[in-house]
Amino acid sequence: MKRASIKGQGADIFFGEGEEPRDTVLPFSENTPIRSTGVPTSVRPGVSAPGPQDVQRVSGAPAQAPGIPDAEVRSFLAQLVLPPTLKRRLRAVLRDERRIHTTVRFSPEEMAALRDLLYELEARKGIKVTRNEVMRIALHFFLEDYDIRKEESLLLQVLKEEEE
């Protein structure tokens, strides 16, 4: 495999503002065909994880569950109001020391949405926050919800098999 220097072109490549150097050979690109492994996922035994060719990519568009109208989703989310005690506990997450490192894998669309959110928060609202902090707040939100509501928690509502 031929290697090429792309020094000084990182921002253009990362943000997609420029063309990729023509003499660069990359081992993997978005157009590289990958087959689904057919291996059951840990969340849904018996359900295979889709490969990239099975997923329709729409840049910047958030994932939407099939069959749920936008109005229904908007109505549900508009009703959510965090009580002050939960807000304080979630804010405290940002002050806690973080000693354990882990890796979470995101789709390109999820990373783009997260990057857009961080930009929106910093540039338009003056709130400086990292991807790590956003993900830790989300994790603690789901942990609190599960601790209190168990079987009715949002997480289990998503993960349980449909009983229809």
C-alpha atoms as a PDB file:
ATOM      1  CA  MET A   1       0.000   0.000   0.000  1.00  0.00           C
ATOM      2  CA  LYS A   2       1.334   3.409  -0.933  1.00  0.00           C
ATOM      3  CA  ARG A   3       1.476   6.035   1.818  1.00  0.00           C
ATOM      4  CA  ALA A   4       1.129   9.724   1.175  1.00  0.00           C
ATOM      5  CA  SER A   5       1.559  12.756   3.357  1.00  0.00           C
ATOM      6  CA  ILE A   6      -1.514  14.873   3.926  1.00  0.00           C
ATOM      7  CA  LYS A   7       0.252  17.378   6.165  1.00  0.00           C
ATOM      8  CA  GLY A   8      -1.573  20.677   6.422  1.00  0.00           C
ATOM      9  CA  GLN A   9      -4.815  19.291   4.978  1.00  0.00           C
ATOM     10  CA  GLY A  10      -6.318  17.804   8.157  1.00  0.00           C
ATOM     11  CA  ALA A  11      -9.084  20.378   8.602  1.00  0.00           C
ATOM     12  CA  ASP A  12     -10.128  20.132   4.958  1.00  0.00           C
ATOM     13  CA  ILE A  13     -10.298  16.345   5.128  1.00  0.00           C
ATOM     14  CA  PHE A  14     -11.976  16.232   8.565  1.00  0.00           C
ATOM     15  CA  PHE A  15     -14.614  18.838   7.805  1.00  0.00           C
ATOM     16  CA  GLY A  16     -15.022  17.852   4.152  1.00  0.00           C
ATOM     17  CA  GLU A  17     -14.378  21.331   2.837  1.00  0.00           C
ATOM     18  CA  GLY A  18     -11.688  20.329   0.365  1.00  0.00           C
ATOM     19  CA  GLU A  19     -10.968  17.450  -1.919  1.00  0.00           C
ATOM     20  CA  GLU A  20      -9.099  14.435  -0.665  1.00  0.00           C
ATOM     21  CA  PRO A  21      -5.560  14.365  -2.065  1.00  0.00           C
ATOM     22  CA  ARG A  22      -5.578  12.317  -5.261  1.00  0.00           C
ATOM     23  CA  ASP A  23      -2.388  10.384  -4.497  1.00  0.00           C
ATOM     24  CA  THR A  24      -3.533   9.290  -1.010  1.00  0.00           C
ATOM     25  CA  VAL A  25      -4.474   5.643  -0.638  1.00  0.00           C
ATOM     26  CA  LEU A  26      -6.626   5.005   2.378  1.00  0.00           C
ATOM     27  CA  PRO A  27      -7.293   1.471   3.612  1.00  0.00           C
ATOM     28  CA  PHE A  28     -10.978   2.181   4.247  1.00  0.00           C
ATOM     29  CA  SER A  29     -13.440   4.738   2.969  1.00  0.00           C
ATOM     30  CA  GLU A  30     -17.193   5.272   3.090  1.00  0.00           C
ATOM     31  CA  ASN A  31     -17.476   3.521  -0.281  1.00  0.00           C
ATOM     32  CA  THR A  32     -15.610   0.389   0.801  1.00  0.00           C
ATOM     33  CA  PRO A  33     -18.115  -2.492   0.685  1.00  0.00           C
ATOM     34  CA  ILE A  34     -18.477  -4.277   4.021  1.00  0.00           C
ATOM     35  CA  ARG A  35     -20.684  -7.272   4.543  1.00  0.00           C
ATOM     36  CA  SER A  36     -22.835  -7.790   7.626  1.00  0.00           C
ATOM     37  CA  THR A  37     -21.292 -10.352   9.952  1.00  0.00           C
ATOM     38  CA  GLY A  38     -24.665 -11.916  10.643  1.00  0.00           C
ATOM     39  CA  VAL A  39     -23.650 -12.153  14.290  1.00  0.00           C
ATOM     40  CA  PRO A  40     -26.510 -11.572  16.731  1.00  0.00           C
ATOM     41  CA  THR A  41     -26.210  -8.331  18.663  1.00  0.00           C
ATOM     42  CA  SER A  42     -25.950  -8.462  22.453  1.00  0.00           C
ATOM     43  CA  VAL A  43     -29.090  -6.364  22.899  1.00  0.00           C
ATOM     44  CA  ARG A  44     -31.294  -8.452  20.647  1.00  0.00           C
ATOM     45  CA  PRO A  45     -30.197 -12.112  20.445  1.00  0.00           C
ATOM     46  CA  GLY A  46     -31.298 -13.555  17.139  1.00  0.00           C
ATOM     47  CA  VAL A  47     -31.195 -10.159  15.402  1.00  0.00           C
ATOM     48  CA  SER A  48     -28.178  -9.522  13.227  1.00  0.00           C
ATOM     49  CA  ALA A  49     -26.436  -6.179  13.179  1.00  0.00           C
ATOM     50  CA  PRO A  50     -26.877  -4.496   9.788  1.00  0.00           C
ATOM     51  CA  GLY A  51     -23.792  -3.773   7.749  1.00  0.00           C
ATOM     52  CA  PRO A  52     -23.115  -0.318   6.322  1.00  0.00           C
ATOM     53  CA  GLN A  53     -24.693  -1.297   3.005  1.00  0.00           C
ATOM     54  CA  ASP A  54     -27.982  -1.944   4.852  1.00  0.00           C
ATOM     55  CA  VAL A  55     -28.128   1.510   6.436  1.00  0.00           C
ATOM     56  CA  GLN A  56     -29.436   4.452   4.488  1.00  0.00           C
ATOM     57  CA  ARG A  57     -27.131   7.403   5.164  1.00  0.00           C
ATOM     58  CA  VAL A  58     -28.574  10.871   5.443  1.00  0.00           C
ATOM     59  CA  SER A  59     -26.030  13.426   6.618  1.00  0.00           C
ATOM     60  CA  GLY A  60     -27.043  15.489   9.604  1.00  0.00           C
ATOM     61  CA  ALA A  61     -30.492  13.885   9.855  1.00  0.00           C
ATOM     62  CA  PRO A  62     -31.232  12.394  13.267  1.00  0.00           C
ATOM     63  CA  ALA A  63     -32.290   8.776  13.397  1.00  0.00           C
ATOM     64  CA  GLN A  64     -36.053   8.403  13.550  1.00  0.00           C
ATOM     65  CA  ALA A  65     -37.961   5.330  14.637  1.00  0.00           C
ATOM     66  CA  PRO A  66     -40.146   3.998  11.826  1.00  0.00           C
ATOM     67  CA  GLY A  67     -43.854   4.618  12.199  1.00  0.00           C
ATOM     68  CA  ILE A  68     -43.600   7.411  14.795  1.00  0.00           C
ATOM     69  CA  PRO A  69     -44.730  10.768  13.428  1.00  0.00           C
ATOM     70  CA  ASP A  70     -42.570  13.789  14.189  1.00  0.00           C
ATOM     71  CA  ALA A  71     -45.511  15.490  15.936  1.00  0.00           C
ATOM     72  CA  GLU A  72     -45.841  12.602  18.391  1.00  0.00           C
ATOM     73  CA  VAL A  73     -42.120  12.678  19.191  1.00  0.00           C
ATOM     74  CA  ARG A  74     -42.101  16.472  19.546  1.00  0.00           C
ATOM     75  CA  SER A  75     -45.133  16.335  21.847  1.00  0.00           C
ATOM     76  CA  PHE A  76     -43.486  13.733  24.091  1.00  0.00           C
ATOM     77  CA  LEU A  77     -40.204  15.616  24.337  1.00  0.00           C
ATOM     78  CA  ALA A  78     -41.957  18.965  24.906  1.00  0.00           C
ATOM     79  CA  GLN A  79     -43.591  17.521  28.028  1.00  0.00           C
ATOM     80  CA  LEU A  80     -40.286  16.551  29.652  1.00  0.00           C
ATOM     81  CA  VAL A  81     -39.244  18.873  32.463  1.00  0.00           C
ATOM     82  CA  LEU A  82     -36.375  17.970  34.763  1.00  0.00           C
ATOM     83  CA  PRO A  83     -37.016  18.559  38.460  1.00  0.00           C
ATOM     84  CA  PRO A  84     -34.401  20.804  40.136  1.00  0.00           C
ATOM     85  CA  THR A  85     -32.946  17.939  42.206  1.00  0.00           C
ATOM     86  CA  LEU A  86     -32.306  15.834  39.099  1.00  0.00           C
ATOM     87  CA  LYS A  87     -30.786  18.852  37.307  1.00  0.00           C
ATOM     88  CA  ARG A  88     -28.369  19.319  40.225  1.00  0.00           C
ATOM     89  CA  ARG A  89     -27.403  15.616  40.221  1.00  0.00           C
ATOM     90  CA  LEU A  90     -26.789  15.645  36.472  1.00  0.00           C
ATOM     91  CA  ARG A  91     -24.711  18.848  36.705  1.00  0.00           C
ATOM     92  CA  ALA A  92     -22.676  17.234  39.502  1.00  0.00           C
ATOM     93  CA  VAL A  93     -21.616  14.583  36.982  1.00  0.00           C
ATOM     94  CA  LEU A  94     -19.431  17.233  35.325  1.00  0.00           C
ATOM     95  CA  ARG A  95     -17.517  17.830  38.561  1.00  0.00           C
ATOM     96  CA  ASP A  96     -16.819  14.140  39.270  1.00  0.00           C
ATOM     97  CA  GLU A  97     -13.366  12.775  38.607  1.00  0.00           C
ATOM     98  CA  ARG A  98     -13.163  10.436  35.631  1.00  0.00           C
ATOM     99  CA  ARG A  99     -10.610   7.650  35.970  1.00  0.00           C
ATOM    100  CA  ILE A 100     -11.857   4.926  33.638  1.00  0.00           C
ATOM    101  CA  HIS A 101     -11.439   5.251  29.878  1.00  0.00           C
ATOM    102  CA  THR A 102     -13.738   3.400  27.494  1.00  0.00           C
ATOM    103  CA  THR A 103     -14.663   3.542  23.843  1.00  0.00           C
ATOM    104  CA  VAL A 104     -18.122   4.043  22.397  1.00  0.00           C
ATOM    105  CA  ARG A 105     -18.707   3.548  18.699  1.00  0.00           C
ATOM    106  CA  PHE A 106     -20.965   5.971  16.829  1.00  0.00           C
ATOM    107  CA  SER A 107     -22.323   6.042  13.303  1.00  0.00           C
ATOM    108  CA  PRO A 108     -21.146   8.917  11.097  1.00  0.00           C
ATOM    109  CA  GLU A 109     -24.598  10.488  11.459  1.00  0.00           C
ATOM    110  CA  GLU A 110     -24.479  10.260  15.265  1.00  0.00           C
ATOM    111  CA  MET A 111     -21.034  11.877  15.356  1.00  0.00           C
ATOM    112  CA  ALA A 112     -22.196  14.647  13.015  1.00  0.00           C
ATOM    113  CA  ALA A 113     -25.272  15.285  15.183  1.00  0.00           C
ATOM    114  CA  LEU A 114     -23.142  15.351  18.346  1.00  0.00           C
ATOM    115  CA  ARG A 115     -20.609  17.698  16.734  1.00  0.00           C
ATOM    116  CA  ASP A 116     -23.461  19.973  15.583  1.00  0.00           C
ATOM    117  CA  LEU A 117     -24.947  19.982  19.091  1.00  0.00           C
ATOM    118  CA  LEU A 118     -21.616  20.952  20.659  1.00  0.00           C
ATOM    119  CA  TYR A 119     -21.158  23.729  18.100  1.00  0.00           C
ATOM    120  CA  GLU A 120     -24.697  24.993  18.717  1.00  0.00           C
ATOM    121  CA  LEU A 121     -24.198  25.009  22.493  1.00  0.00           C
ATOM    122  CA  GLU A 122     -20.860  26.825  22.328  1.00  0.00           C
ATOM    123  CA  ALA A 123     -21.360  29.233  19.428  1.00  0.00           C
ATOM    124  CA  ARG A 124     -24.978  30.205  19.977  1.00  0.00           C
ATOM    125  CA  LYS A 125     -25.549  29.679  23.698  1.00  0.00           C
ATOM    126  CA  GLY A 126     -22.058  30.240  25.140  1.00  0.00           C
ATOM    127  CA  ILE A 127     -21.980  26.823  26.848  1.00  0.00           C
ATOM    128  CA  LYS A 128     -18.617  25.037  26.578  1.00  0.00           C
ATOM    129  CA  VAL A 129     -19.124  21.275  26.857  1.00  0.00           C
ATOM    130  CA  THR A 130     -17.340  18.196  25.526  1.00  0.00           C
ATOM    131  CA  ARG A 131     -18.693  15.075  23.820  1.00  0.00           C
ATOM    132  CA  ASN A 132     -17.632  13.126  26.881  1.00  0.00           C
ATOM    133  CA  GLU A 133     -19.629  15.379  29.212  1.00  0.00           C
ATOM    134  CA  VAL A 134     -22.759  15.177  27.046  1.00  0.00           C
ATOM    135  CA  MET A 135     -22.536  11.381  26.950  1.00  0.00           C
ATOM    136  CA  ARG A 136     -21.977  11.138  30.726  1.00  0.00           C
ATOM    137  CA  ILE A 137     -25.027  13.331  31.404  1.00  0.00           C
ATOM    138  CA  ALA A 138     -27.118  11.147  29.072  1.00  0.00           C
ATOM    139  CA  LEU A 139     -25.849   7.976  30.773  1.00  0.00           C
ATOM    140  CA  HIS A 140     -26.687   9.285  34.237  1.00  0.00           C
ATOM    141  CA  PHE A 141     -30.128  10.359  33.042  1.00  0.00           C
ATOM    142  CA  PHE A 142     -30.891   6.810  31.877  1.00  0.00           C
ATOM    143  CA  LEU A 143     -29.384   5.312  35.058  1.00  0.00           C
ATOM    144  CA  GLU A 144     -31.616   7.543  37.231  1.00  0.00           C
ATOM    145  CA  ASP A 145     -34.684   6.709  35.125  1.00  0.00           C
ATOM    146  CA  TYR A 146     -33.990   2.964  35.343  1.00  0.00           C
ATOM    147  CA  ASP A 147     -33.270   3.121  39.082  1.00  0.00           C
ATOM    148  CA  ILE A 148     -36.657   4.707  39.732  1.00  0.00           C
ATOM    149  CA  ARG A 149     -38.945   3.179  37.087  1.00  0.00           C
ATOM    150  CA  LYS A 150     -37.301  -0.195  36.335  1.00  0.00           C
ATOM    151  CA  GLU A 151     -39.628  -1.950  33.844  1.00  0.00           C
ATOM    152  CA  GLU A 152     -41.228   1.339  32.710  1.00  0.00           C
ATOM    153  CA  SER A 153     -37.885   3.094  32.182  1.00  0.00           C
ATOM    154  CA  LEU A 154     -37.221   4.745  28.850  1.00  0.00           C
ATOM    155  CA  LEU A 155     -34.299   2.397  28.250  1.00  0.00           C
ATOM    156  CA  LEU A 156     -36.397  -0.745  28.679  1.00  0.00           C
ATOM    157  CA  GLN A 157     -39.182   0.744  26.588  1.00  0.00           C
ATOM    158  CA  VAL A 158     -36.672   0.983  23.736  1.00  0.00           C
ATOM    159  CA  LEU A 159     -34.931  -2.353  24.315  1.00  0.00           C
ATOM    160  CA  LYS A 160     -37.900  -4.647  25.025  1.00  0.00           C
ATOM    161  CA  GLU A 161     -39.340  -6.693  22.214  1.00  0.00           C
ATOM    162  CA  GLU A 162     -42.595  -5.326  20.887  1.00  0.00           C
ATOM    163  CA  GLU A 163     -45.516  -7.300  22.303  1.00  0.00           C
ATOM    164  CA  GLU A 164     -47.868  -6.573  19.441  1.00  0.00           C
END
